[in-house]
Amino acid sequence: MLPTVGSILDLPVLRVAGPVLLGGAGALENPVRWVHVSELLDISGLLSGGELVLTTGLELEKEPGLTASFIRSLEEASASGLIVELIGDRKRSMDALRAAAPATGMPVIVVQRRVRFVQVTEIVHRIIVAEQLERVERARDVHEAFTVLSLESAGTGQVVEQAAAMIGAPVVLEDLSHLVLAYSARQLRTTDLLEDWERRSRTTPAPPGTGRTGPEAWLQTPVGVRGNVWGRLVVPVPLDDDDGAAMVLERAAQTLAINRLAERDRRELSHQAQAGLLNALRQPRGLGEDEAQARAAALGLRRSPYYLPIVFRSGGAAHVHSTGAMEAGTDPLAGQQEERALLEQLARALKAASGSALTASIRSGSVGMILAVPAKQLEDPTLQRLADALAGADMPPGGGLPGPAKASWSIGVGHLRASLLEAAAGIDEASHVAETAATLRGDRKPFYRATDVRLRGLLALLRKDPRVQQFAESELEGVLQNDARDGGGHLELLGQYLESGGNKAALARTGYLSRPTLYARLARLEELLGVDLDDAESRTSLHVALLLHRLRGL
């Protein structure tokens, strides 16, 4: 801290001179940034604030009437204080100072013994320079400490702990939802520090920079880069040195932001490398099993007796209309964010289960994986764990990702293989299963195999064939045209009828319809379709056409 007027008056060189305070007793704690010696009565233009002015007062003796204006000009220039040396018979000056000093808020001191101003200046400036040097050294220590943490990619808790140790007070890192991500309680009990934290935090506004705000006057600084703030560091207690603590908080915030960006860059590089290898494994072009195993091991896939191809397809129940068609106009950027969030969730789930896999986006809306499976009996439990991770069952409290992480994903599973290359070749089958599973309605399974999609899976492969499309349109033409014109809901009725296996009594019960009403509607449906619904082959043909219609647009 800079020396104050009061601390300077306690210096031996001034104390022996018997200083007398004439006014401004409440401002003795004014910090002194520099010492200025002058005999001029108009020096306000030479001051920049925080100076302690020393003068012999000879000019005041000549013109005592200017004493009040002289003191006022110093106060207006934000001088810290005034010391006047009055030696000998200087009654006129003393009387003028006594009259003017009480009206000022700046300390006005008189010494009536000779003082070596050069000695006072030298001592005070040495104190100031030493303080500045101490601050520079502290800033260097803070910089070095957090630079090491950045280079070591230290965890969030370690950075917060370092900040608390340097400040000597509790430090809390919270996110924008006011949830505590990490903290160091220091001398406080954790229960006292975090008591009713969310409410207290919400009543404390976040300033654009470092500062104290809120009813408890928390010292805080934002955490993030280029306006992308994702949290804040808080010291929720009073301190003796806010400036020093602010420097530590800001450097800690920089380290947290840099480490987060570096971690994201490492993940991106890892995802790119895995995507390149997964593509190479699916199209080997001379790549042998041994080389494939070696390259995969270098990216973290452990050698295993079995490998399982899996594909995660965006969409599912949350993205499919009641007709089965996929929702149009999907935001490409949102899709990329969903895939990134999925990759991070899968990485956490694999780490928690001590598993290993190659995981990468294989095309827009689809993420492929080759999972190492130590034993056949572990296949289903591992798949269930991945499905639970996507559903949020394994997410830590407060660790969920907003927005994109909540996307719905369908999981398609291929056949378990003993060869890595064979498993990679099974990605196409798993992709087909996942794509088809995204169109399924009703109760959904955590994951799907080819045996779960059956006819729908075959139709998904053929759905883009113009002849298949023409078949579906011709079978359903009458119903589609009528529903588009009148909105009669006949297509939905057809689906319910076919799903009930043509059992009219069961359909009446599930649809809460009287039999006469149902028979009338079915008669109208037969009229629109031009077929007999009691004919098994007609029902089969219509069911296939309806499945194709629901697959359209996927």
Protein backbone atom coordinates (compact mmCIF):
# COMPACT_ATOMS: atom_id res chain seq x y z
CA MET A 1 0.00 0.00 0.00
CA LEU A 2 1.13 3.57 -0.64
CA PRO A 3 2.22 5.57 2.42
CA THR A 4 -0.41 7.87 3.94
CA VAL A 5 -0.11 11.39 5.25
CA GLY A 6 -0.44 10.04 8.80
CA SER A 7 2.30 7.43 8.30
CA ILE A 8 4.65 10.08 6.89
CA LEU A 9 4.05 12.32 9.93
CA ASP A 10 5.24 9.38 12.06
CA LEU A 11 8.62 9.34 10.30
CA PRO A 12 11.42 10.34 12.71
CA VAL A 13 12.56 13.18 10.44
CA LEU A 14 9.15 14.85 10.84
CA ARG A 15 8.26 13.67 14.32
CA VAL A 16 11.23 15.53 15.85
CA ALA A 17 9.99 18.72 14.20
CA GLY A 18 6.79 18.64 16.28
CA PRO A 19 4.14 18.68 13.53
CA VAL A 20 0.85 20.38 14.39
CA LEU A 21 -2.32 19.45 12.52
CA LEU A 22 -4.38 22.56 11.78
CA GLY A 23 -7.13 20.97 9.69
CA GLY A 24 -8.22 17.92 7.71
CA ALA A 25 -7.84 15.43 10.56
CA GLY A 26 -10.28 13.07 8.82
CA ALA A 27 -8.05 12.80 5.76
CA LEU A 28 -4.81 11.61 7.38
CA GLU A 29 -5.30 8.26 5.58
CA ASN A 30 -4.96 9.95 2.19
CA PRO A 31 -2.42 7.93 0.16
CA VAL A 32 0.70 9.81 -0.95
CA ARG A 33 1.77 9.06 -4.49
CA TRP A 34 4.65 11.57 -4.58
CA VAL A 35 6.26 14.45 -2.64
CA HIS A 36 6.41 17.91 -4.23
CA VAL A 37 8.48 20.79 -2.83
CA SER A 38 7.53 24.29 -3.96
CA GLU A 39 7.49 27.94 -2.88
CA LEU A 40 4.99 29.06 -5.50
CA LEU A 41 1.44 29.92 -4.55
CA ASP A 42 -0.03 28.67 -7.81
CA ILE A 43 1.15 25.11 -8.48
CA SER A 44 -2.19 23.41 -9.10
CA GLY A 45 -1.32 23.06 -12.79
CA LEU A 46 1.80 21.08 -11.83
CA LEU A 47 -0.04 18.49 -9.76
CA SER A 48 -1.79 15.32 -10.98
CA GLY A 49 -3.24 14.17 -7.64
CA GLY A 50 -1.94 12.31 -4.62
CA GLU A 51 1.04 14.63 -3.94
CA LEU A 52 2.18 15.74 -0.49
CA VAL A 53 3.23 19.39 -0.87
CA LEU A 54 6.13 20.75 1.25
CA THR A 55 6.77 24.48 1.48
CA THR A 56 8.65 26.94 3.73
CA GLY A 57 5.72 29.36 3.46
CA LEU A 58 7.88 32.42 2.66
CA GLU A 59 5.41 33.55 -0.01
CA LEU A 60 2.53 33.11 2.42
CA GLU A 61 4.31 35.43 4.86
CA LYS A 62 4.46 38.08 2.15
CA GLU A 63 0.81 37.68 1.10
CA PRO A 64 -1.12 35.96 3.93
CA GLY A 65 -4.41 36.92 2.27
CA LEU A 66 -3.73 34.30 -0.41
CA THR A 67 -3.45 31.46 2.10
CA ALA A 68 -7.08 30.29 1.79
CA SER A 69 -7.02 30.33 -2.02
CA PHE A 70 -3.65 28.52 -2.02
CA ILE A 71 -5.00 25.71 0.17
CA ARG A 72 -8.20 25.54 -1.87
CA SER A 73 -6.25 25.22 -5.13
CA LEU A 74 -4.26 22.32 -3.69
CA GLU A 75 -7.41 20.57 -2.56
CA GLU A 76 -9.01 21.05 -5.99
CA ALA A 77 -5.89 19.50 -7.57
CA SER A 78 -6.42 16.43 -5.32
CA ALA A 79 -3.23 16.95 -3.34
CA SER A 80 -2.96 14.54 -0.41
CA GLY A 81 -1.78 17.14 2.13
CA LEU A 82 0.24 20.26 2.87
CA ILE A 83 3.19 20.65 5.25
CA VAL A 84 4.36 24.22 5.96
CA GLU A 85 7.64 24.95 7.72
CA LEU A 86 7.32 28.11 9.83
CA ILE A 87 10.63 29.10 11.46
CA GLY A 88 11.04 32.22 13.61
CA ASP A 89 8.53 35.04 13.95
CA ARG A 90 5.93 34.04 11.33
CA LYS A 91 2.77 35.11 13.16
CA ARG A 92 1.01 36.45 10.03
CA SER A 93 1.46 33.13 8.22
CA MET A 94 0.40 31.09 11.25
CA ASP A 95 -2.74 33.15 11.79
CA ALA A 96 -3.70 32.84 8.12
CA LEU A 97 -3.14 29.07 8.15
CA ARG A 98 -5.13 28.65 11.37
CA ALA A 99 -8.01 30.58 9.81
CA ALA A 100 -8.03 28.72 6.48
CA ALA A 101 -7.16 25.14 7.50
CA PRO A 102 -10.39 24.15 9.33
CA ALA A 103 -12.43 24.75 6.17
CA THR A 104 -10.51 22.23 4.09
CA GLY A 105 -10.82 18.46 3.92
CA MET A 106 -7.11 18.11 3.16
CA PRO A 107 -4.62 17.73 6.04
CA VAL A 108 -2.75 20.98 6.70
CA ILE A 109 0.29 20.59 8.98
CA VAL A 110 2.70 23.14 10.39
CA VAL A 111 6.21 22.37 11.70
CA GLN A 112 8.05 25.07 13.63
CA ARG A 113 11.45 23.43 13.59
CA ARG A 114 13.68 23.14 10.60
CA VAL A 115 13.05 20.06 8.45
CA ARG A 116 15.32 18.79 5.73
CA PHE A 117 12.80 18.55 2.91
CA VAL A 118 15.29 16.65 0.77
CA GLN A 119 15.50 13.95 3.44
CA VAL A 120 11.71 13.72 3.70
CA THR A 121 11.45 13.47 -0.08
CA GLU A 122 14.14 10.80 -0.25
CA ILE A 123 12.57 8.63 2.47
CA VAL A 124 9.00 8.87 1.14
CA HIS A 125 10.05 8.24 -2.44
CA ARG A 126 12.06 5.23 -1.33
CA ILE A 127 8.94 3.86 0.39
CA ILE A 128 6.82 4.49 -2.71
CA VAL A 129 9.34 2.92 -5.07
CA ALA A 130 9.73 -0.06 -2.77
CA GLU A 131 5.95 -0.49 -2.76
CA GLN A 132 5.86 -0.30 -6.54
CA LEU A 133 8.72 -2.79 -6.77
CA GLU A 134 6.87 -5.10 -4.40
CA ARG A 135 3.80 -4.88 -6.61
CA VAL A 136 5.88 -5.61 -9.70
CA GLU A 137 7.44 -8.61 -7.98
CA ARG A 138 4.04 -9.81 -6.80
CA ALA A 139 2.63 -9.41 -10.31
CA ARG A 140 5.58 -11.43 -11.62
CA ASP A 141 4.99 -14.16 -9.03
CA VAL A 142 1.29 -14.27 -9.88
CA HIS A 143 2.05 -14.38 -13.59
CA GLU A 144 4.59 -17.18 -13.19
CA ALA A 145 2.31 -19.24 -10.96
CA PHE A 146 -0.65 -19.14 -13.32
CA THR A 147 1.54 -19.55 -16.40
CA VAL A 148 2.74 -22.84 -14.95
CA LEU A 149 -0.86 -23.88 -14.32
CA SER A 150 -1.71 -23.01 -17.94
CA LEU A 151 1.23 -25.00 -19.30
CA GLU A 152 0.32 -27.96 -17.12
CA SER A 153 -3.35 -27.76 -18.15
CA ALA A 154 -4.25 -27.68 -14.48
CA GLY A 155 -7.76 -28.56 -13.44
CA THR A 156 -10.33 -25.97 -12.47
CA GLY A 157 -10.08 -26.82 -8.78
CA GLN A 158 -6.31 -26.40 -8.79
CA VAL A 159 -6.54 -22.94 -10.38
CA VAL A 160 -9.16 -21.81 -7.86
CA GLU A 161 -7.10 -23.21 -4.98
CA GLN A 162 -4.03 -21.29 -6.20
CA ALA A 163 -6.01 -18.05 -6.41
CA ALA A 164 -7.38 -18.50 -2.89
CA ALA A 165 -3.90 -19.20 -1.51
CA MET A 166 -2.45 -16.05 -3.11
CA ILE A 167 -5.32 -13.85 -1.95
CA GLY A 168 -5.55 -15.47 1.46
CA ALA A 169 -9.34 -15.63 1.28
CA PRO A 170 -12.11 -17.91 -0.03
CA VAL A 171 -12.60 -18.01 -3.81
CA VAL A 172 -15.62 -19.45 -5.64
CA LEU A 173 -16.01 -20.20 -9.36
CA GLU A 174 -19.62 -20.29 -10.55
CA ASP A 175 -21.28 -20.62 -13.95
CA LEU A 176 -23.93 -18.37 -15.48
CA SER A 177 -26.65 -20.43 -13.79
CA HIS A 178 -25.15 -19.54 -10.39
CA LEU A 179 -24.03 -23.12 -9.80
CA VAL A 180 -20.70 -23.56 -8.00
CA LEU A 181 -18.15 -25.28 -10.25
CA ALA A 182 -15.21 -25.13 -7.84
CA TYR A 183 -14.28 -23.39 -4.60
CA SER A 184 -11.62 -23.04 -1.93
CA ALA A 185 -13.05 -22.20 1.48
CA ARG A 186 -9.71 -21.36 3.14
CA GLN A 187 -10.42 -20.22 6.71
CA LEU A 188 -14.21 -20.47 6.35
CA ARG A 189 -16.27 -23.59 6.80
CA THR A 190 -17.74 -24.86 3.55
CA THR A 191 -21.25 -24.68 4.99
CA ASP A 192 -20.76 -21.01 5.84
CA LEU A 193 -19.22 -20.17 2.48
CA LEU A 194 -21.85 -21.88 0.32
CA GLU A 195 -24.92 -21.31 2.51
CA ASP A 196 -27.86 -20.30 0.27
CA TRP A 197 -25.34 -19.60 -2.48
CA GLU A 198 -27.69 -19.47 -5.46
CA ARG A 199 -29.97 -16.87 -3.91
CA ARG A 200 -27.07 -14.74 -2.72
CA SER A 201 -25.44 -14.97 -6.14
CA ARG A 202 -28.58 -13.97 -8.00
CA THR A 203 -28.82 -10.80 -5.92
CA THR A 204 -25.23 -9.89 -6.84
CA PRO A 205 -25.08 -8.39 -10.35
CA ALA A 206 -22.06 -9.18 -12.49
CA PRO A 207 -20.05 -6.06 -13.47
CA PRO A 208 -18.47 -5.87 -16.94
CA GLY A 209 -15.01 -5.96 -15.36
CA THR A 210 -13.46 -6.61 -11.98
CA GLY A 211 -15.14 -4.93 -9.04
CA ARG A 212 -17.35 -5.20 -5.99
CA THR A 213 -21.14 -5.34 -6.34
CA GLY A 214 -24.23 -6.60 -4.56
CA PRO A 215 -25.52 -6.42 -1.00
CA GLU A 216 -22.49 -8.34 0.32
CA ALA A 217 -20.03 -6.36 -1.84
CA TRP A 218 -18.48 -9.41 -3.51
CA LEU A 219 -15.21 -8.86 -5.33
CA GLN A 220 -15.58 -10.63 -8.67
CA THR A 221 -14.24 -10.89 -12.21
CA PRO A 222 -15.81 -12.49 -15.32
CA VAL A 223 -14.37 -15.71 -16.78
CA GLY A 224 -14.36 -16.09 -20.56
CA VAL A 225 -12.86 -14.64 -23.72
CA ARG A 226 -14.03 -12.05 -26.26
CA GLY A 227 -17.39 -11.51 -24.69
CA ASN A 228 -18.10 -15.23 -24.42
CA VAL A 229 -18.35 -15.19 -20.64
CA TRP A 230 -19.26 -18.55 -19.08
CA GLY A 231 -18.71 -17.88 -15.36
CA ARG A 232 -17.21 -15.62 -12.73
CA LEU A 233 -14.66 -15.82 -9.92
CA VAL A 234 -15.85 -14.43 -6.60
CA VAL A 235 -14.22 -13.44 -3.33
CA PRO A 236 -17.28 -13.10 -1.05
CA VAL A 237 -15.47 -11.51 1.92
CA PRO A 238 -13.89 -8.09 2.65
CA LEU A 239 -10.13 -7.74 2.05
CA ASP A 240 -7.33 -5.41 3.04
CA ASP A 241 -5.94 -5.19 -0.50
CA ASP A 242 -8.59 -5.28 -3.21
CA ASP A 243 -6.13 -4.23 -5.91
CA GLY A 244 -3.81 -7.15 -5.26
CA ALA A 245 -6.72 -9.59 -5.05
CA ALA A 246 -8.19 -8.23 -8.29
CA MET A 247 -4.88 -8.87 -10.06
CA VAL A 248 -4.88 -12.49 -8.85
CA LEU A 249 -8.54 -13.01 -9.79
CA GLU A 250 -8.02 -11.63 -13.29
CA ARG A 251 -4.97 -13.81 -13.88
CA ALA A 252 -6.82 -16.86 -12.56
CA ALA A 253 -9.76 -16.07 -14.86
CA GLN A 254 -7.40 -15.87 -17.83
CA THR A 255 -5.91 -19.24 -16.92
CA LEU A 256 -9.34 -20.86 -16.63
CA ALA A 257 -10.41 -19.44 -20.00
CA ILE A 258 -7.15 -20.48 -21.71
CA ASN A 259 -7.28 -23.98 -20.25
CA ARG A 260 -10.87 -24.39 -21.39
CA LEU A 261 -9.98 -23.30 -24.93
CA ALA A 262 -6.91 -25.55 -24.94
CA GLU A 263 -8.99 -28.51 -23.77
CA ARG A 264 -11.52 -27.81 -26.50
CA ASP A 265 -8.70 -27.62 -29.10
CA ARG A 266 -7.27 -30.92 -27.87
CA ARG A 267 -10.69 -32.54 -28.15
CA GLU A 268 -11.15 -31.13 -31.65
CA LEU A 269 -7.75 -32.47 -32.75
CA SER A 270 -8.55 -35.85 -31.22
CA HIS A 271 -11.94 -35.95 -32.95
CA GLN A 272 -10.35 -35.06 -36.29
CA ALA A 273 -7.73 -37.77 -35.92
CA GLN A 274 -10.33 -40.36 -34.97
CA ALA A 275 -12.55 -39.31 -37.88
CA GLY A 276 -9.65 -39.77 -40.30
CA LEU A 277 -8.83 -43.22 -38.94
CA LEU A 278 -12.46 -44.34 -38.86
CA ASN A 279 -12.84 -43.36 -42.51
CA ALA A 280 -9.63 -45.24 -43.37
CA LEU A 281 -10.86 -48.34 -41.54
CA ARG A 282 -14.17 -48.30 -43.42
CA GLN A 283 -12.32 -48.05 -46.75
CA PRO A 284 -9.08 -49.96 -46.01
CA ARG A 285 -7.44 -49.88 -49.48
CA GLY A 286 -4.60 -52.18 -48.51
CA LEU A 287 -4.72 -51.44 -44.77
CA GLY A 288 -4.07 -54.66 -42.83
CA GLU A 289 -5.45 -55.71 -39.46
CA ASP A 290 -2.12 -55.29 -37.67
CA GLU A 291 -1.60 -51.77 -38.97
CA ALA A 292 -5.22 -50.92 -38.20
CA GLN A 293 -4.77 -52.17 -34.63
CA ALA A 294 -1.55 -50.19 -34.22
CA ARG A 295 -3.05 -46.95 -35.51
CA ALA A 296 -6.17 -47.38 -33.40
CA ALA A 297 -4.11 -48.11 -30.28
CA ALA A 298 -2.18 -44.88 -30.88
CA LEU A 299 -5.50 -43.03 -30.64
CA GLY A 300 -6.52 -44.75 -27.42
CA LEU A 301 -8.47 -47.79 -28.62
CA ARG A 302 -7.26 -50.69 -26.49
CA ARG A 303 -6.73 -54.09 -28.08
CA SER A 304 -9.72 -56.27 -27.29
CA PRO A 305 -11.14 -59.69 -28.18
CA TYR A 306 -14.20 -58.03 -29.74
CA TYR A 307 -15.19 -54.77 -31.40
CA LEU A 308 -18.72 -53.44 -31.82
CA PRO A 309 -19.83 -50.96 -34.53
CA ILE A 310 -22.34 -48.38 -33.27
CA VAL A 311 -23.95 -45.35 -34.89
CA PHE A 312 -25.78 -42.54 -33.08
CA ARG A 313 -28.38 -40.85 -35.27
CA SER A 314 -29.79 -37.43 -34.41
CA GLY A 315 -33.56 -37.14 -34.42
CA GLY A 316 -35.62 -39.87 -32.86
CA ALA A 317 -38.86 -39.18 -31.07
CA ALA A 318 -38.15 -35.51 -30.44
CA HIS A 319 -37.59 -34.74 -34.12
CA VAL A 320 -40.20 -36.85 -35.90
CA HIS A 321 -43.69 -35.70 -36.76
CA SER A 322 -46.74 -37.83 -36.11
CA THR A 323 -46.67 -38.84 -39.75
CA GLY A 324 -43.16 -40.19 -39.33
CA ALA A 325 -41.48 -37.55 -41.54
CA MET A 326 -38.42 -35.82 -40.19
CA GLU A 327 -38.74 -32.19 -39.19
CA ALA A 328 -37.45 -29.95 -41.99
CA GLY A 329 -35.24 -26.87 -41.80
CA THR A 330 -32.80 -28.19 -39.22
CA ASP A 331 -30.14 -25.60 -38.34
CA PRO A 332 -26.74 -26.92 -39.55
CA LEU A 333 -24.89 -25.03 -36.80
CA ALA A 334 -27.20 -26.50 -34.16
CA GLY A 335 -26.52 -29.92 -35.65
CA GLN A 336 -22.77 -29.45 -35.28
CA GLN A 337 -23.23 -28.34 -31.69
CA GLU A 338 -25.35 -31.42 -31.00
CA GLU A 339 -22.65 -33.70 -32.44
CA ARG A 340 -19.93 -31.98 -30.40
CA ALA A 341 -22.00 -32.30 -27.24
CA LEU A 342 -22.64 -35.97 -28.00
CA LEU A 343 -18.92 -36.66 -28.50
CA GLU A 344 -18.17 -35.05 -25.14
CA GLN A 345 -20.92 -37.05 -23.39
CA LEU A 346 -19.67 -40.30 -24.89
CA ALA A 347 -16.10 -39.48 -23.87
CA ARG A 348 -17.24 -38.91 -20.27
CA ALA A 349 -19.27 -42.12 -20.26
CA LEU A 350 -16.34 -44.18 -21.61
CA LYS A 351 -13.96 -42.64 -19.10
CA ALA A 352 -16.35 -43.40 -16.25
CA ALA A 353 -16.63 -47.01 -17.43
CA SER A 354 -12.87 -47.35 -18.13
CA GLY A 355 -13.79 -48.17 -21.73
CA SER A 356 -12.19 -47.22 -25.02
CA ALA A 357 -13.52 -46.50 -28.49
CA LEU A 358 -12.96 -44.67 -31.75
CA THR A 359 -15.68 -42.06 -32.08
CA ALA A 360 -16.24 -39.52 -34.85
CA SER A 361 -18.88 -37.86 -36.98
CA ILE A 362 -19.40 -39.93 -40.13
CA ARG A 363 -21.90 -37.58 -41.79
CA SER A 364 -24.26 -34.80 -40.83
CA GLY A 365 -26.45 -35.98 -37.97
CA SER A 366 -24.63 -39.30 -37.48
CA VAL A 367 -21.76 -40.22 -35.15
CA GLY A 368 -19.98 -43.52 -35.59
CA MET A 369 -18.18 -45.56 -32.95
CA ILE A 370 -16.09 -48.71 -32.79
CA LEU A 371 -16.29 -49.88 -29.20
CA ALA A 372 -13.77 -52.24 -27.63
CA VAL A 373 -15.68 -55.02 -25.81
CA PRO A 374 -13.58 -57.22 -23.46
CA ALA A 375 -16.17 -60.04 -23.37
CA LYS A 376 -19.40 -60.95 -25.17
CA GLN A 377 -21.44 -60.80 -21.98
CA LEU A 378 -20.43 -57.14 -21.52
CA GLU A 379 -21.96 -56.03 -24.83
CA ASP A 380 -25.46 -55.18 -23.62
CA PRO A 381 -24.41 -53.65 -20.25
CA THR A 382 -21.95 -51.37 -22.04
CA LEU A 383 -24.57 -50.32 -24.59
CA GLN A 384 -27.03 -49.63 -21.79
CA ARG A 385 -24.48 -47.44 -20.04
CA LEU A 386 -23.94 -45.39 -23.21
CA ALA A 387 -27.69 -45.04 -23.65
CA ASP A 388 -28.03 -43.90 -20.03
CA ALA A 389 -25.29 -41.34 -20.58
CA LEU A 390 -27.22 -39.83 -23.49
CA ALA A 391 -30.36 -39.75 -21.37
CA GLY A 392 -28.46 -37.87 -18.67
CA ALA A 393 -28.50 -40.68 -16.09
CA ASP A 394 -24.74 -40.61 -15.67
CA MET A 395 -24.30 -36.84 -15.84
CA PRO A 396 -22.89 -35.21 -12.69
CA PRO A 397 -25.05 -32.63 -10.89
CA GLY A 398 -24.75 -29.31 -12.66
CA GLY A 399 -22.62 -30.95 -15.35
CA GLY A 400 -25.23 -31.17 -18.07
CA LEU A 401 -24.73 -29.23 -21.23
CA PRO A 402 -27.39 -26.73 -22.24
CA GLY A 403 -29.34 -26.86 -25.49
CA PRO A 404 -27.59 -29.19 -27.93
CA ALA A 405 -26.70 -31.82 -25.32
CA LYS A 406 -30.42 -32.48 -24.84
CA ALA A 407 -30.90 -33.66 -28.44
CA SER A 408 -32.56 -37.03 -29.01
CA TRP A 409 -30.33 -39.75 -30.44
CA SER A 410 -31.22 -43.16 -31.86
CA ILE A 411 -28.57 -45.84 -31.35
CA GLY A 412 -28.00 -48.41 -34.07
CA VAL A 413 -25.81 -51.45 -33.27
CA GLY A 414 -24.05 -53.76 -35.72
CA HIS A 415 -22.71 -57.25 -35.14
CA LEU A 416 -19.93 -57.98 -32.64
CA ARG A 417 -16.71 -58.77 -34.50
CA ALA A 418 -13.32 -60.17 -33.56
CA SER A 419 -11.60 -58.04 -36.23
CA LEU A 420 -11.28 -54.26 -36.10
CA LEU A 421 -11.62 -53.96 -39.88
CA GLU A 422 -14.73 -56.14 -39.90
CA ALA A 423 -16.24 -54.01 -37.15
CA ALA A 424 -15.48 -50.88 -39.18
CA ALA A 425 -17.23 -52.43 -42.18
CA GLY A 426 -20.27 -52.93 -39.94
CA ILE A 427 -20.65 -49.16 -39.45
CA ASP A 428 -22.85 -49.02 -42.56
CA GLU A 429 -25.23 -51.63 -41.12
CA ALA A 430 -25.33 -49.82 -37.77
CA SER A 431 -25.99 -46.53 -39.59
CA HIS A 432 -28.88 -48.08 -41.47
CA VAL A 433 -30.35 -49.43 -38.22
CA ALA A 434 -29.99 -46.08 -36.42
CA GLU A 435 -31.49 -44.19 -39.35
CA THR A 436 -34.46 -46.50 -39.44
CA ALA A 437 -34.88 -46.47 -35.66
CA ALA A 438 -35.24 -42.69 -35.80
CA THR A 439 -38.58 -43.17 -37.61
CA LEU A 440 -40.06 -45.60 -35.09
CA ARG A 441 -42.95 -44.40 -32.96
CA GLY A 442 -44.28 -45.51 -29.63
CA ASP A 443 -42.15 -46.84 -26.79
CA ARG A 444 -38.51 -46.58 -27.80
CA LYS A 445 -35.67 -48.94 -26.95
CA PRO A 446 -32.35 -47.71 -25.59
CA PHE A 447 -30.62 -49.18 -28.68
CA TYR A 448 -31.59 -51.10 -31.81
CA ARG A 449 -30.19 -53.99 -33.82
CA ALA A 450 -31.13 -55.14 -37.33
CA THR A 451 -33.61 -57.61 -35.87
CA ASP A 452 -35.52 -54.67 -34.35
CA VAL A 453 -36.13 -52.77 -37.60
CA ARG A 454 -36.78 -55.68 -40.01
CA LEU A 455 -39.20 -54.64 -42.83
CA ARG A 456 -38.87 -50.97 -41.96
CA GLY A 457 -35.12 -51.35 -42.32
CA LEU A 458 -35.43 -52.86 -45.78
CA LEU A 459 -37.79 -50.11 -46.86
CA ALA A 460 -35.39 -47.49 -45.53
CA LEU A 461 -32.77 -48.83 -47.93
CA LEU A 462 -35.20 -48.73 -50.86
CA ARG A 463 -37.10 -45.55 -50.05
CA LYS A 464 -35.24 -43.33 -52.53
CA ASP A 465 -35.91 -45.63 -55.48
CA PRO A 466 -38.38 -43.75 -57.76
CA ARG A 467 -40.34 -46.96 -58.40
CA VAL A 468 -40.79 -47.49 -54.64
CA GLN A 469 -41.89 -43.90 -54.20
CA GLN A 470 -44.37 -44.24 -57.04
CA PHE A 471 -45.78 -47.40 -55.44
CA ALA A 472 -46.37 -45.64 -52.09
CA GLU A 473 -47.97 -42.62 -53.72
CA SER A 474 -50.32 -44.68 -55.88
CA GLU A 475 -51.41 -46.86 -52.93
CA LEU A 476 -52.18 -43.87 -50.67
CA GLU A 477 -53.15 -41.28 -53.27
CA GLY A 478 -56.86 -41.11 -52.43
CA VAL A 479 -56.26 -40.71 -48.68
CA LEU A 480 -53.44 -38.19 -49.08
CA GLN A 481 -55.44 -35.99 -51.42
CA ASN A 482 -58.53 -36.09 -49.20
CA ASP A 483 -56.58 -35.30 -46.01
CA ALA A 484 -54.72 -32.47 -47.73
CA ARG A 485 -58.04 -31.00 -48.88
CA ASP A 486 -60.34 -31.66 -45.93
CA GLY A 487 -58.01 -32.74 -43.09
CA GLY A 488 -60.16 -35.78 -42.40
CA GLY A 489 -57.48 -37.76 -40.52
CA HIS A 490 -58.01 -40.84 -42.69
CA LEU A 491 -54.26 -41.54 -42.96
CA GLU A 492 -54.02 -41.72 -39.19
CA LEU A 493 -57.06 -44.03 -39.08
CA LEU A 494 -55.42 -46.26 -41.68
CA GLY A 495 -52.29 -46.51 -39.55
CA GLN A 496 -54.29 -47.42 -36.45
CA TYR A 497 -56.29 -50.03 -38.36
CA LEU A 498 -53.19 -51.69 -39.82
CA GLU A 499 -51.35 -51.62 -36.50
CA SER A 500 -54.30 -53.36 -34.84
CA GLY A 501 -53.94 -56.18 -37.39
CA GLY A 502 -57.32 -55.39 -38.99
CA ASN A 503 -59.15 -56.16 -35.73
CA LYS A 504 -62.08 -53.76 -35.79
CA ALA A 505 -63.26 -54.56 -32.26
CA ALA A 506 -59.82 -53.84 -30.82
CA LEU A 507 -59.58 -50.63 -32.84
CA ALA A 508 -62.97 -49.48 -31.54
CA ARG A 509 -61.86 -50.06 -27.95
CA THR A 510 -58.47 -48.31 -28.30
CA GLY A 511 -59.95 -45.46 -30.33
CA TYR A 512 -62.92 -44.98 -28.00
CA LEU A 513 -65.31 -45.20 -30.98
CA SER A 514 -68.68 -46.86 -31.27
CA ARG A 515 -68.76 -49.69 -33.79
CA PRO A 516 -71.26 -47.99 -36.14
CA THR A 517 -69.07 -44.88 -36.22
CA LEU A 518 -65.94 -46.94 -36.83
CA TYR A 519 -67.58 -49.01 -39.59
CA ALA A 520 -68.74 -45.84 -41.30
CA ARG A 521 -65.27 -44.33 -41.21
CA LEU A 522 -63.66 -47.54 -42.46
CA ALA A 523 -66.17 -47.68 -45.29
CA ARG A 524 -65.19 -44.17 -46.28
CA LEU A 525 -61.53 -45.20 -46.05
CA GLU A 526 -62.13 -48.14 -48.40
CA GLU A 527 -63.89 -45.80 -50.80
CA LEU A 528 -60.91 -43.41 -50.84
CA LEU A 529 -58.39 -46.21 -51.26
CA GLY A 530 -60.45 -48.27 -53.71
CA VAL A 531 -59.60 -51.56 -51.94
CA ASP A 532 -61.17 -54.09 -49.62
CA LEU A 533 -59.58 -53.73 -46.18
CA ASP A 534 -60.58 -57.28 -45.26
CA ASP A 535 -58.21 -58.56 -47.94
CA ALA A 536 -54.90 -59.60 -46.34
CA GLU A 537 -52.80 -58.76 -49.40
CA SER A 538 -54.38 -55.28 -49.60
CA ARG A 539 -53.58 -54.65 -45.96
CA THR A 540 -49.98 -55.78 -46.51
CA SER A 541 -49.62 -53.54 -49.54
CA LEU A 542 -51.07 -50.54 -47.67
CA HIS A 543 -48.88 -51.20 -44.64
CA VAL A 544 -45.76 -51.19 -46.81
CA ALA A 545 -46.88 -47.97 -48.52
CA LEU A 546 -47.59 -46.32 -45.17
CA LEU A 547 -44.16 -47.28 -43.82
CA LEU A 548 -42.55 -45.81 -46.95
CA HIS A 549 -44.57 -42.64 -46.52
CA ARG A 550 -43.38 -42.30 -42.94
CA LEU A 551 -39.77 -42.84 -44.02
CA ARG A 552 -39.98 -40.09 -46.64
CA GLY A 553 -37.79 -37.10 -45.93
CA LEU A 554 -35.41 -38.95 -43.55
